[in-house]
Protein backbone atom coordinates (compact mmCIF):
# COMPACT_ATOMS: atom_id res chain seq x y z
CA MET A 1 90.65 188.79 -148.16
CA ARG A 2 93.81 188.37 -145.64
CA CYS A 3 96.97 190.25 -146.30
CA LEU A 4 100.06 188.50 -145.94
CA ARG A 5 103.44 190.08 -145.40
CA PRO A 6 106.26 188.90 -147.74
CA VAL A 7 108.93 186.65 -146.41
CA TRP A 8 111.60 188.45 -145.22
CA HIS A 9 115.14 187.36 -145.77
CA GLY A 10 117.91 188.37 -143.70
CA SER A 11 116.54 187.04 -140.20
CA ARG A 12 118.36 187.97 -137.09
CA MET A 13 118.62 184.48 -135.95
CA HIS A 14 122.00 182.61 -137.07
CA ILE A 15 121.64 179.45 -138.26
CA PRO A 16 125.41 178.24 -139.74
CA PHE A 17 124.46 176.76 -143.13
CA ASP A 18 126.43 174.76 -145.26
CA ASN A 19 124.15 173.31 -148.23
CA THR A 20 124.82 170.22 -150.22
CA TYR A 21 121.84 169.34 -151.68
CA ALA A 22 121.02 172.62 -153.29
CA GLN A 23 124.33 172.01 -155.87
CA LEU A 24 123.09 168.44 -157.07
CA PRO A 25 121.35 168.66 -160.68
CA ALA A 26 118.52 171.06 -160.54
CA GLN A 27 115.74 168.29 -161.36
CA MET A 28 116.26 166.65 -158.02
CA TYR A 29 114.34 169.51 -156.41
CA THR A 30 112.41 172.92 -156.80
CA ALA A 31 113.25 176.43 -155.27
CA GLN A 32 110.61 177.17 -152.82
CA LEU A 33 109.99 179.83 -150.54
CA PRO A 34 107.47 179.12 -147.47
CA THR A 35 104.26 180.60 -147.60
CA PRO A 36 103.68 183.43 -145.32
CA VAL A 37 101.53 183.12 -142.32
CA ASN A 38 99.51 185.68 -140.64
CA ALA A 39 100.15 185.65 -136.42
CA PRO A 40 102.81 182.89 -135.72
CA GLN A 41 103.45 181.91 -131.79
CA MET A 42 105.95 179.69 -130.89
CA ILE A 43 104.15 176.29 -128.57
CA ALA A 44 107.76 174.72 -127.99
CA TYR A 45 111.52 174.80 -129.18
CA ASN A 46 114.25 172.45 -128.17
CA ALA A 47 117.54 174.17 -126.56
CA ASP A 48 119.35 171.61 -126.76
CA LEU A 49 119.04 170.55 -130.49
CA ALA A 50 119.63 174.33 -131.20
CA ALA A 51 122.80 174.35 -129.37
CA ILE A 52 124.35 170.73 -131.50
CA LEU A 53 123.07 172.43 -134.62
CA GLY A 54 125.22 175.96 -134.00
CA ILE A 55 121.90 178.01 -132.89
CA ASP A 56 122.36 180.04 -129.90
CA PRO A 57 119.37 178.73 -127.54
CA ALA A 58 118.73 182.39 -126.35
CA ASP A 59 117.93 182.88 -130.13
CA LEU A 60 114.94 180.66 -129.75
CA ASP A 61 113.01 182.38 -127.04
CA THR A 62 112.04 185.19 -128.86
CA PRO A 63 109.24 186.60 -131.25
CA GLU A 64 111.70 186.42 -134.25
CA ALA A 65 111.93 182.70 -133.67
CA ALA A 66 108.09 182.24 -134.36
CA GLN A 67 108.45 183.96 -137.50
CA VAL A 68 111.71 181.99 -138.52
CA PHE A 69 109.94 178.70 -137.83
CA ALA A 70 106.51 179.51 -139.20
CA GLY A 71 108.62 180.60 -142.44
CA ASN A 72 107.88 183.96 -142.60
CA HIS A 73 111.63 184.86 -142.51
CA ILE A 74 114.56 183.52 -144.06
CA PRO A 75 117.54 183.23 -142.17
CA ASP A 76 120.86 184.17 -144.37
CA GLY A 77 122.58 181.16 -145.59
CA ALA A 78 119.47 179.28 -146.08
CA VAL A 79 118.59 177.92 -149.44
CA PRO A 80 115.14 176.66 -149.15
CA LEU A 81 113.65 174.17 -151.28
CA SER A 82 111.56 171.09 -151.66
CA GLN A 83 112.67 167.56 -153.03
CA VAL A 84 111.19 165.42 -155.32
CA TYR A 85 110.78 161.73 -155.20
CA ALA A 86 108.53 158.71 -156.18
CA GLY A 87 107.12 156.09 -154.01
CA HIS A 88 105.15 152.59 -153.69
CA GLN A 89 102.06 153.73 -151.23
CA PHE A 90 100.42 150.69 -149.95
CA GLY A 91 102.26 148.60 -152.65
CA ASN A 92 101.10 151.07 -155.51
CA TRP A 93 103.35 152.73 -157.73
CA ASN A 94 103.11 156.75 -157.49
CA PRO A 95 105.56 158.05 -159.96
CA GLN A 96 106.25 161.59 -158.81
CA LEU A 97 105.21 162.72 -154.78
CA GLY A 98 107.55 165.07 -153.25
CA ASP A 99 107.85 167.46 -150.57
CA GLY A 100 104.03 168.28 -150.74
CA ARG A 101 104.14 170.54 -147.55
CA ALA A 102 107.75 170.88 -146.52
CA VAL A 103 110.29 173.30 -147.38
CA LEU A 104 113.95 172.28 -146.55
CA LEU A 105 115.66 175.41 -145.02
CA GLY A 106 119.49 174.17 -145.72
CA GLU A 107 121.83 172.09 -143.77
CA VAL A 108 124.10 172.30 -141.11
CA VAL A 109 126.98 170.59 -139.69
CA GLY A 110 126.34 170.43 -136.00
CA THR A 111 129.06 170.47 -133.23
CA ASP A 112 129.11 166.49 -133.10
CA GLY A 113 130.57 166.88 -136.74
CA ILE A 114 127.09 165.48 -138.33
CA ARG A 115 125.50 166.79 -141.24
CA ARG A 116 122.24 167.68 -140.53
CA ASP A 117 118.77 169.01 -142.69
CA ILE A 118 116.59 171.49 -141.32
CA GLN A 119 113.11 171.35 -142.58
CA LEU A 120 109.99 173.13 -142.39
CA LYS A 121 106.92 171.04 -142.45
CA GLY A 122 103.16 172.65 -143.27
CA SER A 123 104.53 175.53 -144.11
CA GLY A 124 102.61 175.74 -147.53
CA PRO A 125 102.29 174.36 -150.92
CA THR A 126 104.84 173.48 -153.32
CA PRO A 127 105.14 171.71 -156.68
CA TYR A 128 104.37 168.52 -155.35
CA SER A 129 101.10 169.25 -153.51
CA ARG A 130 98.95 167.67 -155.56
CA GLN A 131 96.43 170.22 -155.17
CA GLY A 132 96.72 170.02 -151.50
CA ASP A 133 97.01 173.15 -149.09
CA GLY A 134 100.72 172.43 -148.03
CA ARG A 135 99.63 173.11 -144.55
CA ALA A 136 99.45 171.05 -141.41
CA TRP A 137 96.81 171.76 -138.63
CA LEU A 138 97.78 171.30 -134.73
CA GLY A 139 97.44 167.90 -133.97
CA PRO A 140 100.11 165.88 -136.33
CA VAL A 141 102.44 168.49 -135.12
CA ILE A 142 102.00 168.07 -131.65
CA ARG A 143 102.42 164.07 -132.23
CA GLU A 144 105.60 164.30 -134.14
CA TYR A 145 106.82 166.61 -131.72
CA LEU A 146 106.23 164.09 -129.12
CA VAL A 147 106.99 160.98 -130.56
CA SER A 148 110.00 161.92 -132.32
CA GLU A 149 111.86 163.34 -129.43
CA ALA A 150 110.68 160.20 -127.44
CA MET A 151 111.88 157.98 -129.73
CA HIS A 152 115.38 159.94 -129.32
CA ALA A 153 115.27 159.54 -125.61
CA MET A 154 115.11 155.98 -126.26
CA GLY A 155 117.75 155.13 -128.36
CA VAL A 156 116.08 155.21 -131.69
CA PRO A 157 117.48 156.74 -135.15
CA THR A 158 114.75 159.80 -135.93
CA THR A 159 114.16 162.70 -136.49
CA ARG A 160 113.98 165.55 -134.50
CA ALA A 161 111.69 168.62 -133.43
CA LEU A 162 113.86 171.75 -133.20
CA ALA A 163 110.68 173.93 -133.07
CA ALA A 164 106.93 174.05 -133.24
CA VAL A 165 104.80 176.74 -133.94
CA THR A 166 101.01 177.69 -134.29
CA THR A 167 100.77 179.96 -137.39
CA GLY A 168 97.17 181.97 -136.41
CA GLU A 169 95.01 180.70 -139.28
CA ASP A 170 92.54 178.34 -139.78
CA VAL A 171 93.48 174.12 -141.45
CA TYR A 172 90.20 172.93 -142.91
CA ARG A 173 90.10 169.03 -143.45
CA GLU A 174 87.00 167.38 -141.85
CA GLU A 175 86.65 170.47 -139.77
CA VAL A 176 88.49 173.45 -139.07
CA PHE A 177 91.25 173.09 -137.10
CA PRO A 178 93.91 175.13 -136.03
CA GLY A 179 97.32 175.56 -137.83
CA ALA A 180 101.15 174.70 -137.08
CA VAL A 181 104.15 174.07 -138.27
CA ILE A 182 107.11 171.81 -137.14
CA ALA A 183 110.86 172.34 -137.63
CA ARG A 184 112.20 169.12 -137.90
CA VAL A 185 115.90 167.99 -138.56
CA ALA A 186 117.10 164.97 -139.88
CA GLN A 187 120.76 163.87 -140.80
CA SER A 188 118.59 164.05 -144.51
CA TYR A 189 115.47 163.61 -146.07
CA ILE A 190 116.62 161.32 -148.86
CA ARG A 191 114.47 158.48 -149.38
CA VAL A 192 114.22 155.26 -151.37
CA GLY A 193 111.52 157.01 -153.43
CA THR A 194 114.09 159.64 -154.24
CA PHE A 195 116.38 156.80 -156.08
CA GLN A 196 113.11 155.53 -157.44
CA TYR A 197 112.05 158.36 -158.79
CA PHE A 198 115.27 158.56 -160.89
CA ALA A 199 115.66 155.45 -161.97
CA SER A 200 112.03 155.02 -163.12
CA ARG A 201 112.96 158.02 -165.61
CA GLY A 202 116.28 156.52 -166.65
CA ASP A 203 117.79 160.02 -165.32
CA MET A 204 121.17 158.02 -164.61
CA THR A 205 122.78 162.01 -164.22
CA ALA A 206 120.52 162.38 -161.16
CA LEU A 207 121.11 158.62 -160.24
CA HIS A 208 124.95 158.38 -160.22
CA ALA A 209 124.88 162.50 -158.58
CA LEU A 210 122.39 161.54 -155.47
CA THR A 211 124.06 157.98 -155.09
CA ASP A 212 127.54 159.53 -154.62
CA HIS A 213 126.09 162.37 -152.24
CA VAL A 214 124.25 159.62 -150.33
CA ILE A 215 128.08 157.24 -149.90
CA ALA A 216 129.65 160.85 -149.15
CA ARG A 217 127.04 161.96 -146.89
CA HIS A 218 125.95 158.74 -144.82
CA TYR A 219 128.06 155.90 -145.62
CA PRO A 220 131.64 156.79 -146.65
CA GLN A 221 132.89 153.44 -146.21
CA ALA A 222 130.37 152.46 -148.99
CA ASN A 223 132.77 151.14 -152.36
CA GLY A 224 129.95 151.72 -154.79
CA PRO A 225 126.07 151.05 -154.74
CA ALA A 226 126.64 147.29 -153.64
CA GLU A 227 128.24 148.05 -150.84
CA LEU A 228 125.88 150.93 -150.65
CA LEU A 229 122.72 148.37 -150.26
CA ASP A 230 124.05 146.01 -147.67
CA LEU A 231 124.57 149.27 -145.53
CA VAL A 232 121.11 150.46 -145.76
CA ILE A 233 119.93 147.19 -145.33
CA ALA A 234 121.76 146.37 -142.02
CA ARG A 235 120.50 149.84 -141.07
CA TYR A 236 116.81 149.63 -141.73
CA ALA A 237 117.10 146.02 -140.45
CA GLY A 238 118.10 147.54 -136.99
CA LEU A 239 115.73 150.38 -136.95
CA ILE A 240 112.88 148.05 -137.11
CA ALA A 241 114.23 145.67 -134.65
CA LYS A 242 114.07 148.57 -132.54
CA TRP A 243 110.56 149.92 -133.20
CA MET A 244 109.86 145.77 -132.51
CA GLY A 245 110.74 146.67 -129.07
CA LEU A 246 109.44 148.99 -127.99
CA GLY A 247 105.36 148.41 -129.56
CA PHE A 248 106.03 150.79 -131.97
CA ILE A 249 103.71 150.82 -134.91
CA HIS A 250 104.91 153.17 -138.11
CA GLY A 251 101.70 152.76 -139.57
CA VAL A 252 102.95 154.17 -143.51
CA MET A 253 106.27 152.22 -144.45
CA ASN A 254 105.95 153.34 -148.00
CA THR A 255 108.71 153.80 -149.80
CA ASP A 256 108.88 157.33 -150.11
CA ASN A 257 108.92 157.18 -145.57
CA VAL A 258 111.93 155.35 -145.83
CA SER A 259 114.67 157.05 -144.97
CA ILE A 260 118.37 156.08 -146.55
CA ALA A 261 120.18 157.19 -143.59
CA GLY A 262 118.09 154.81 -141.59
CA GLU A 263 116.14 156.89 -139.36
CA THR A 264 112.78 157.27 -138.24
CA ILE A 265 110.67 159.82 -140.68
CA ASP A 266 107.40 160.89 -141.75
CA TYR A 267 105.36 160.52 -138.30
CA GLY A 268 102.08 160.36 -139.37
CA PRO A 269 99.54 157.86 -137.82
CA CYS A 270 102.36 156.53 -136.33
CA ALA A 271 101.01 154.51 -132.42
CA PHE A 272 102.57 152.35 -129.55
CA ILE A 273 101.20 149.45 -128.48
CA ASP A 274 98.68 149.50 -124.91
CA GLY A 275 97.75 145.70 -124.95
CA PHE A 276 99.97 143.31 -126.82
CA HIS A 277 98.73 141.84 -130.01
CA PRO A 278 101.05 141.62 -133.14
CA ASP A 279 98.16 142.09 -135.87
CA SER A 280 97.89 145.50 -134.06
CA VAL A 281 96.59 148.53 -136.60
CA PHE A 282 96.07 151.98 -135.46
CA SER A 283 96.56 153.56 -139.09
CA ALA A 284 92.90 154.64 -140.07
CA ILE A 285 94.22 154.81 -143.26
CA ASP A 286 95.73 150.97 -143.55
CA GLN A 287 92.26 149.46 -143.50
CA PHE A 288 94.13 146.00 -144.77
CA GLY A 289 96.42 145.77 -141.97
CA ARG A 290 99.48 146.21 -144.44
CA TYR A 291 101.79 147.82 -141.90
CA ALA A 292 100.49 146.17 -139.10
CA TYR A 293 103.16 145.83 -136.05
CA SER A 294 103.77 142.24 -136.72
CA ASN A 295 104.08 142.92 -141.04
CA GLN A 296 107.19 145.46 -140.21
CA PRO A 297 110.01 143.20 -140.56
CA GLY A 298 108.23 141.82 -144.06
CA ILE A 299 107.65 145.17 -145.38
CA GLY A 300 111.19 146.31 -144.34
CA ALA A 301 112.42 143.78 -146.82
CA TRP A 302 109.96 144.68 -149.72
CA ASN A 303 110.81 148.00 -149.20
CA MET A 304 114.49 147.32 -149.32
CA ALA A 305 113.98 145.54 -152.65
CA GLN A 306 112.37 148.29 -154.43
CA PHE A 307 115.92 150.14 -153.32
CA ALA A 308 117.83 147.28 -154.65
CA THR A 309 115.94 147.51 -157.90
CA ALA A 310 116.50 151.60 -158.24
CA LEU A 311 120.09 150.99 -158.07
CA ILE A 312 120.09 148.21 -160.80
CA PRO A 313 120.52 150.70 -163.76
CA LEU A 314 124.02 152.12 -162.00
CA MET A 315 125.83 148.65 -162.34
CA PRO A 316 127.38 147.79 -165.79
CA GLU A 317 126.57 144.20 -165.54
CA ARG A 318 122.83 143.96 -164.86
CA GLU A 319 122.32 140.50 -164.75
CA ALA A 320 124.79 139.91 -162.67
CA ALA A 321 123.60 142.60 -160.31
CA ILE A 322 120.15 141.36 -160.20
CA THR A 323 121.58 137.94 -159.04
CA ASP A 324 123.61 139.56 -156.39
CA PHE A 325 121.27 142.27 -154.99
CA THR A 326 118.32 139.81 -154.32
CA ALA A 327 120.96 137.78 -152.78
CA ALA A 328 121.67 140.61 -150.34
CA VAL A 329 118.02 141.87 -149.62
CA HIS A 330 116.99 138.16 -148.91
CA ARG A 331 119.97 138.32 -145.98
CA MET A 332 117.74 141.19 -144.84
CA PRO A 333 115.17 138.50 -142.51
CA GLY A 334 118.32 137.17 -140.88
CA ILE A 335 120.17 140.59 -140.23
CA TYR A 336 116.59 141.28 -138.80
CA GLU A 337 116.12 138.35 -136.48
CA THR A 338 119.97 139.09 -135.21
CA GLU A 339 118.76 142.50 -134.60
CA TRP A 340 115.60 141.50 -132.83
CA LEU A 341 117.45 138.93 -130.51
CA ASN A 342 119.56 141.42 -129.27
CA VAL A 343 116.85 144.06 -128.89
CA PHE A 344 114.79 141.61 -126.79
CA ARG A 345 117.38 139.69 -125.09
CA THR A 346 118.35 143.28 -123.31
CA LYS A 347 114.78 144.05 -122.42
CA LEU A 348 114.78 140.33 -120.75
CA GLY A 349 118.33 141.13 -119.04
CA ILE A 350 119.85 138.13 -120.86
CA ALA A 351 123.62 139.19 -120.92
CA ASN A 352 124.99 136.27 -122.49
CA PRO A 353 122.99 134.79 -125.45
CA ASP A 354 121.78 131.10 -125.69
CA GLU A 355 120.01 129.30 -128.13
CA GLY A 356 116.58 128.76 -126.24
CA ASP A 357 116.40 132.85 -125.87
CA HIS A 358 113.97 132.98 -128.97
CA SER A 359 111.92 130.50 -127.69
CA LEU A 360 111.75 132.06 -124.33
CA ILE A 361 111.15 135.50 -125.81
CA THR A 362 108.30 134.52 -128.41
CA ASP A 363 106.58 132.45 -125.39
CA LEU A 364 106.40 135.39 -123.30
CA LEU A 365 104.79 137.68 -126.27
CA ASP A 366 102.69 134.84 -126.72
CA LEU A 367 101.24 135.14 -123.01
CA MET A 368 101.10 138.81 -123.56
CA THR A 369 98.59 138.10 -126.91
CA LYS A 370 96.39 135.92 -125.37
CA ASP A 371 96.06 138.06 -121.97
CA GLY A 372 96.14 141.50 -124.01
CA ALA A 373 99.26 142.25 -121.54
CA ASP A 374 100.10 145.95 -121.82
CA PHE A 375 103.27 145.93 -123.65
CA THR A 376 105.36 148.71 -122.01
CA ASN A 377 104.21 147.74 -118.52
CA THR A 378 105.11 144.03 -118.83
CA PHE A 379 108.57 144.57 -119.87
CA SER A 380 109.14 147.70 -117.44
CA ASN A 381 107.88 145.73 -114.85
CA LEU A 382 109.49 142.41 -115.35
CA HIS A 383 111.73 142.35 -112.32
CA THR A 384 108.61 143.08 -109.91
CA ALA A 385 105.72 141.65 -108.78
CA ALA A 386 103.48 144.09 -110.52
CA ALA A 387 104.31 142.11 -114.01
CA ARG A 388 102.37 139.02 -112.95
CA ASP A 389 99.51 141.52 -112.91
CA GLN A 390 99.21 142.01 -116.99
CA PHE A 391 98.32 138.66 -117.19
CA ILE A 392 94.90 136.73 -116.46
CA ASN A 393 96.59 133.45 -116.02
CA ARG A 394 99.13 134.24 -113.63
CA ASP A 395 100.37 130.26 -113.36
CA ALA A 396 101.33 130.98 -116.84
CA PHE A 397 103.01 134.01 -116.29
CA ASP A 398 104.84 131.97 -112.96
CA ALA A 399 105.90 128.87 -115.06
CA TRP A 400 107.62 131.49 -118.09
CA ALA A 401 108.93 133.50 -115.18
CA GLN A 402 110.86 130.36 -113.58
CA ARG A 403 112.23 129.87 -116.73
CA TRP A 404 113.35 133.14 -117.10
CA HIS A 405 115.00 133.87 -113.67
CA GLN A 406 117.23 131.03 -114.63
CA ARG A 407 118.84 133.07 -117.25
CA ASN A 408 120.11 135.12 -113.93
CA PRO A 409 118.69 138.59 -115.88
CA ALA A 410 120.39 141.78 -115.13
CA HIS A 411 118.54 144.08 -114.04
CA ASP A 412 120.37 147.10 -114.93
CA LEU A 413 120.36 145.86 -118.36
CA MET A 414 116.34 145.72 -118.38
CA MET A 415 116.29 149.60 -116.59
CA ARG A 416 118.27 150.97 -119.44
CA ALA A 417 116.35 149.08 -122.40
CA ASN A 418 112.64 149.07 -121.13
CA PRO A 419 111.02 153.09 -120.98
CA GLN A 420 108.81 153.44 -118.49
CA VAL A 421 106.89 156.05 -119.70
CA ILE A 422 105.95 156.51 -123.53
CA PRO A 423 104.18 158.89 -125.47
CA ARG A 424 100.74 156.80 -125.55
CA ASN A 425 98.24 157.47 -127.75
CA HIS A 426 95.29 158.80 -125.32
CA ARG A 427 98.08 161.27 -123.93
CA ILE A 428 98.52 162.45 -126.79
CA GLU A 429 94.87 162.90 -128.19
CA GLU A 430 94.80 164.55 -124.37
CA VAL A 431 97.00 167.00 -125.29
CA ILE A 432 95.86 167.46 -128.55
CA VAL A 433 92.44 168.44 -127.02
CA ALA A 434 94.28 170.61 -124.99
CA GLY A 435 96.17 172.67 -127.50
CA ARG A 436 93.06 173.16 -129.57
CA HIS A 437 92.07 175.50 -126.67
CA GLY A 438 95.15 177.16 -126.34
CA ASP A 439 96.52 175.20 -123.50
CA TYR A 440 99.94 173.82 -123.62
CA ALA A 441 100.45 172.77 -120.39
CA PRO A 442 99.76 169.28 -120.85
CA PHE A 443 101.90 168.93 -124.02
CA HIS A 444 105.19 170.59 -121.64
CA ALA A 445 103.91 168.00 -119.01
CA LEU A 446 103.85 164.74 -121.34
CA LEU A 447 107.04 165.72 -123.31
CA ALA A 448 109.21 166.02 -119.88
CA ALA A 449 108.05 162.53 -119.24
CA VAL A 450 108.83 160.60 -122.71
CA THR A 451 112.01 162.65 -122.93
CA GLN A 452 112.88 161.07 -119.12
CA PRO A 453 111.69 157.21 -120.61
CA ASP A 454 113.74 155.84 -117.26
CA GLN A 455 111.82 157.58 -114.73
CA LEU A 456 108.84 156.72 -113.06
CA HIS A 457 105.94 159.41 -114.12
CA PRO A 458 102.95 157.14 -112.47
CA ASP A 459 100.06 158.25 -114.48
CA PHE A 460 102.06 158.43 -117.61
CA ALA A 461 103.05 155.40 -117.45
CA ARG A 462 99.55 153.93 -116.56
CA ALA A 463 97.71 151.81 -119.28
CA PRO A 464 94.85 153.54 -120.51
CA SER A 465 91.32 152.37 -119.35
CA LYS A 466 88.82 150.92 -121.43
CA ASP A 467 87.65 154.36 -122.33
CA GLU A 468 90.75 156.10 -122.70
CA GLN A 469 91.54 153.61 -125.57
CA VAL A 470 92.79 155.42 -128.99
CA THR A 471 92.06 152.93 -131.69
CA ARG A 472 92.60 154.87 -134.65
CA THR A 473 95.31 157.36 -135.73
CA PHE A 474 95.19 159.63 -138.74
CA CYS A 475 97.65 161.02 -141.08
CA GLY A 476 97.46 165.10 -141.17
CA THR A 477 96.88 165.00 -144.84
């Protein structure tokens, strides 16, 4: 039987915590310490993010840092807790979920004035684990670190990775894997499902407190729940449009995975499309394609309808609120369409909008679908002859390109909008395999490439061969 060391309070690492969620009603969370691990070792840390958080980057390059980010040592000022929430999972209502393998250490107001949460994921069981072990294995930790930092580098609102550590312990799934913990950072981990949890229970005290907290923290311009709904819808529509512009599939757009702050959270079986098809699905648990690439905008509106429903109890005139909130949700497709057009116009280098732009964009996507053109490499090479090589029917592409050139595309605009490198599925899998053998050099090489997406890294930019293709991705639970 292994002997666990107790969690040690009073870490030498200084993190300038300034906690507010812990001051909300007690039913909104459970005080929860991480479960210690035997032999934590640092895989990677994010010195730039640490500096923004007011953490001395020099403190990260120490054995103590691995103890902190594994959950063995608790820094002064931390108030560890796990948040409760509910959610619709693949459309099915689950009345109680929560942080089943995560502990929020606390909040920090960064040097940029933005308040952020620091959370340990894979830090052991909580009251919300539902008989799970509360642990993460190395693969999902590596995937989340790479994809979240790549998304940030590409200008997508997202959680970020502060550090990743191995635990020195095994995690049991369908086989035995090395355990790991990721320290991740978000503007908050409040979800649509957080509102749903309290609304479904008729807990008006908590629902009012939560709403006031979110408005003060994320949307100070909002005057009440109706304006909050409008602002969240607009931010979420813009986020999904950015996903679509990168060929990104979240994979699990359950309401418990929808950030009220409008960030991409909970990178589970996510993936980037290689050969384009709008119905692409990678998640092994999405058997019916509910969260396919082309379905993401519609599911986004469905999720906002659930958020609107959770806000209705706050309104004094509920029938009028139902009418108004329904109208707000019905405005989302139009908001999304505007955001989508802006994203793809920029990808095509079009600075001055024209009514023919929609058909120009969709005609290219149709050609890409027919020929399975690589999504990233088509857009990143449009200004060169290499884009033509993505197509089987090159005459059709040439005809499209002639129309496009008439729009006088701006090369510099395209270069800023189209990454040369993304964290491709097959490269992530290669990194995970190497990591399982204790080799993290491939991880660091890929991380360096995807966090400089405008730089050409020929090997990482190459689309996978047929033998290299990864067609299924998996959740870490």
